[in-house]
Protein backbone atom coordinates (compact mmCIF):
# COMPACT_ATOMS: atom_id res chain seq x y z
CA MET A 1 43.71 165.78 108.69
CA ASN A 2 44.09 165.64 105.46
CA SER A 3 41.16 163.44 104.54
CA LEU A 4 38.99 164.92 107.13
CA ARG A 5 40.10 168.50 105.24
CA LEU A 6 39.01 167.11 102.00
CA LYS A 7 35.62 166.02 103.58
CA GLN A 8 34.81 169.61 104.99
CA THR A 9 36.06 171.20 101.85
CA SER A 10 34.02 169.14 99.31
CA SER A 11 31.07 169.74 102.31
CA LEU A 12 31.27 173.28 102.08
CA PHE A 13 31.77 173.68 98.36
CA PHE A 14 28.16 171.87 98.25
CA LEU A 15 26.78 174.12 100.57
CA PHE A 16 28.54 177.42 98.77
CA VAL A 17 26.78 176.29 95.83
CA VAL A 18 23.19 175.60 97.46
CA PHE A 19 23.35 179.06 99.45
CA PHE A 20 24.44 180.54 96.52
CA ILE A 21 21.40 179.18 93.92
CA GLU A 22 19.09 179.95 97.37
CA LEU A 23 20.18 183.90 97.37
CA MET A 24 19.80 184.24 94.36
CA ALA A 25 15.91 182.75 93.58
CA ALA A 26 15.21 184.61 97.20
CA ASN A 27 16.43 188.28 95.23
CA LEU A 28 14.41 187.75 92.10
CA ALA A 29 11.19 189.56 92.70
CA HIS A 30 12.44 192.40 94.67
CA PRO A 31 13.12 194.82 91.70
CA ALA A 32 9.45 193.80 90.58
CA THR A 33 8.61 195.28 94.04
CA PRO A 34 8.60 198.96 93.78
CA THR A 35 6.38 198.10 90.13
CA ILE A 36 3.88 196.15 92.50
CA ILE A 37 3.36 199.07 95.01
CA VAL A 38 2.74 202.14 92.52
CA THR A 39 0.20 199.53 90.28
CA ARG A 40 -1.36 198.93 93.39
CA GLY A 41 -1.64 202.35 93.99
CA LEU A 42 0.07 202.60 97.22
CA PRO A 43 2.24 205.20 98.66
CA SER A 44 5.91 205.28 97.92
CA SER A 45 7.01 204.84 101.23
CA THR A 46 5.55 201.74 101.44
CA PHE A 47 8.78 200.49 99.93
CA GLY A 48 10.49 201.61 102.74
CA TYR A 49 7.74 200.61 105.11
CA ALA A 50 8.11 196.82 103.60
CA PHE A 51 11.79 196.82 103.97
CA ALA A 52 11.81 197.45 107.57
CA ALA A 53 9.50 195.04 108.41
CA MET A 54 11.62 192.53 106.89
CA ALA A 55 14.39 193.11 108.52
CA LEU A 56 12.59 193.84 111.95
CA GLY A 57 11.29 190.13 111.64
CA SER A 58 14.87 189.06 110.54
CA PHE A 59 16.52 191.17 113.90
CA LEU A 60 13.47 189.59 116.03
CA PHE A 61 13.47 185.84 115.34
CA SER A 62 17.01 185.60 114.60
CA SER A 63 17.59 184.26 118.07
CA PHE A 64 14.79 182.03 118.03
CA TRP A 65 15.86 180.47 114.55
CA ALA A 66 19.49 179.76 116.53
CA TYR A 67 17.89 178.17 119.03
CA LEU A 68 15.85 176.17 116.70
CA ASN A 69 19.31 175.08 115.09
CA ASP A 70 20.16 173.40 118.19
CA ARG A 71 16.98 171.73 118.81
CA ILE A 72 15.62 170.43 115.68
CA GLY A 73 18.23 170.44 112.97
CA ARG A 74 20.40 172.35 110.19
CA VAL A 75 18.23 171.24 107.61
CA ARG A 76 14.53 171.26 108.49
CA VAL A 77 15.67 174.93 109.96
CA PHE A 78 16.67 175.62 106.81
CA ALA A 79 13.78 174.15 104.84
CA LEU A 80 11.25 175.81 106.90
CA GLY A 81 13.00 179.64 106.41
CA CYS A 82 12.58 179.02 102.81
CA TYR A 83 9.23 177.59 102.82
CA GLY A 84 8.22 180.30 105.44
CA TYR A 85 9.99 183.06 102.95
CA ALA A 86 7.97 181.41 100.17
CA LEU A 87 4.70 181.89 101.79
CA GLY A 88 5.61 185.57 102.86
CA GLN A 89 6.18 186.33 99.16
CA LEU A 90 3.08 184.61 98.37
CA LEU A 91 1.49 186.53 100.64
CA PHE A 92 2.37 190.17 99.50
CA MET A 93 1.78 189.26 95.93
CA PHE A 94 -1.39 188.83 96.95
CA ALA A 95 -1.28 192.25 99.37
CA THR A 96 -3.56 195.10 98.19
CA SER A 97 -3.04 197.44 100.98
CA LEU A 98 -0.22 198.99 103.32
CA TRP A 99 -0.68 196.87 106.19
CA MET A 100 -0.97 193.98 104.17
CA VAL A 101 2.56 194.68 102.40
CA VAL A 102 3.84 195.20 105.79
CA VAL A 103 2.30 191.86 107.46
CA ALA A 104 3.68 189.85 104.04
CA ARG A 105 7.27 191.47 104.37
CA PHE A 106 7.42 191.32 107.96
CA ILE A 107 6.65 187.20 107.61
CA ALA A 108 9.09 186.56 104.97
CA GLY A 109 11.66 188.51 107.29
CA VAL A 110 10.88 186.02 109.93
CA PHE A 111 12.04 183.10 108.00
CA VAL A 112 14.91 184.42 105.97
CA GLY A 113 16.39 184.95 109.46
CA GLY A 114 16.16 181.31 109.78
CA VAL A 115 17.62 180.60 106.53
CA MET A 116 20.15 183.22 107.07
CA MET A 117 21.25 181.86 110.44
CA THR A 118 21.24 178.30 109.50
CA GLN A 119 23.58 178.87 106.66
CA LEU A 120 26.03 180.83 109.14
CA VAL A 121 25.56 178.18 111.72
CA LEU A 122 26.05 175.26 109.03
CA ILE A 123 29.67 176.93 107.51
CA LEU A 124 30.99 176.81 110.99
CA ASP A 125 29.90 173.46 111.39
CA HIS A 126 31.82 172.41 108.35
CA SER A 127 34.90 174.42 109.20
CA LEU A 128 38.11 173.68 110.98
CA ASN A 129 39.12 176.01 113.66
CA SER A 130 41.56 177.51 111.20
CA ASP A 131 39.25 178.00 107.97
CA ARG A 132 36.34 179.88 109.96
CA ALA A 133 37.12 183.12 108.99
CA LEU A 134 37.75 182.43 105.10
CA ASN A 135 34.61 180.13 105.09
CA LEU A 136 32.79 183.20 106.41
CA THR A 137 34.40 185.61 103.88
CA VAL A 138 33.61 183.30 101.18
CA HIS A 139 29.86 183.51 102.24
CA ALA A 140 29.69 187.10 102.78
CA THR A 141 31.27 186.99 99.24
CA LEU A 142 28.36 185.15 97.50
CA PHE A 143 25.68 186.10 99.98
CA THR A 144 26.25 189.89 98.36
CA LEU A 145 26.94 188.45 94.65
CA GLY A 146 24.04 185.93 94.58
CA GLY A 147 21.52 188.99 95.56
CA ALA A 148 23.33 191.17 93.06
CA LEU A 149 23.03 188.31 90.48
CA GLY A 150 19.00 187.75 91.95
CA TYR A 151 18.40 191.25 91.64
CA PHE A 152 19.99 191.76 88.05
CA PHE A 153 18.26 188.47 86.97
CA GLY A 154 14.95 189.73 88.36
CA GLY A 155 15.09 193.25 87.15
CA ILE A 156 15.38 191.34 83.44
CA LEU A 157 12.03 189.29 84.59
CA ALA A 158 10.65 192.23 85.42
CA ASP A 159 10.65 193.70 81.89
CA ILE A 160 9.21 190.80 80.34
CA HIS A 161 5.43 191.11 80.36
CA ILE A 162 3.60 187.76 80.68
CA ASN A 163 0.77 187.84 78.00
CA VAL A 164 4.10 188.74 75.39
């Protein structure tokens, strides 16, 4: 039993590190979103619509991602979610109208739902029954901290002009 606990603990540590880095990276762009919206002359309400579209995409497709996790595997779904989220961010970068911003953020939300679902499933897969609540709590803490640091570093990077 001791070797099983050690194997699961080292696997979880690796997963938590990967998740933390992914969460920071995924949140780097968000501080620049209001500036991008204003620069493109879009209404202030665009930020709210964009966030709502992202949340809706994640909500609507979470069950689909849970199903895919069991059908094609955790790593594939995690990678697909990361690549799809990057695609959504790329589309957002080139969006010039309200509807394009909303569609891009919806796409990003669909795929980030896959990333979040896979993270939770992987934590449950690598946890002993007695440690599941603790490990989900650690994930929630890292989710919050990674997001906050992503926003923080994204805010710093947003102040650096490309031509400097």
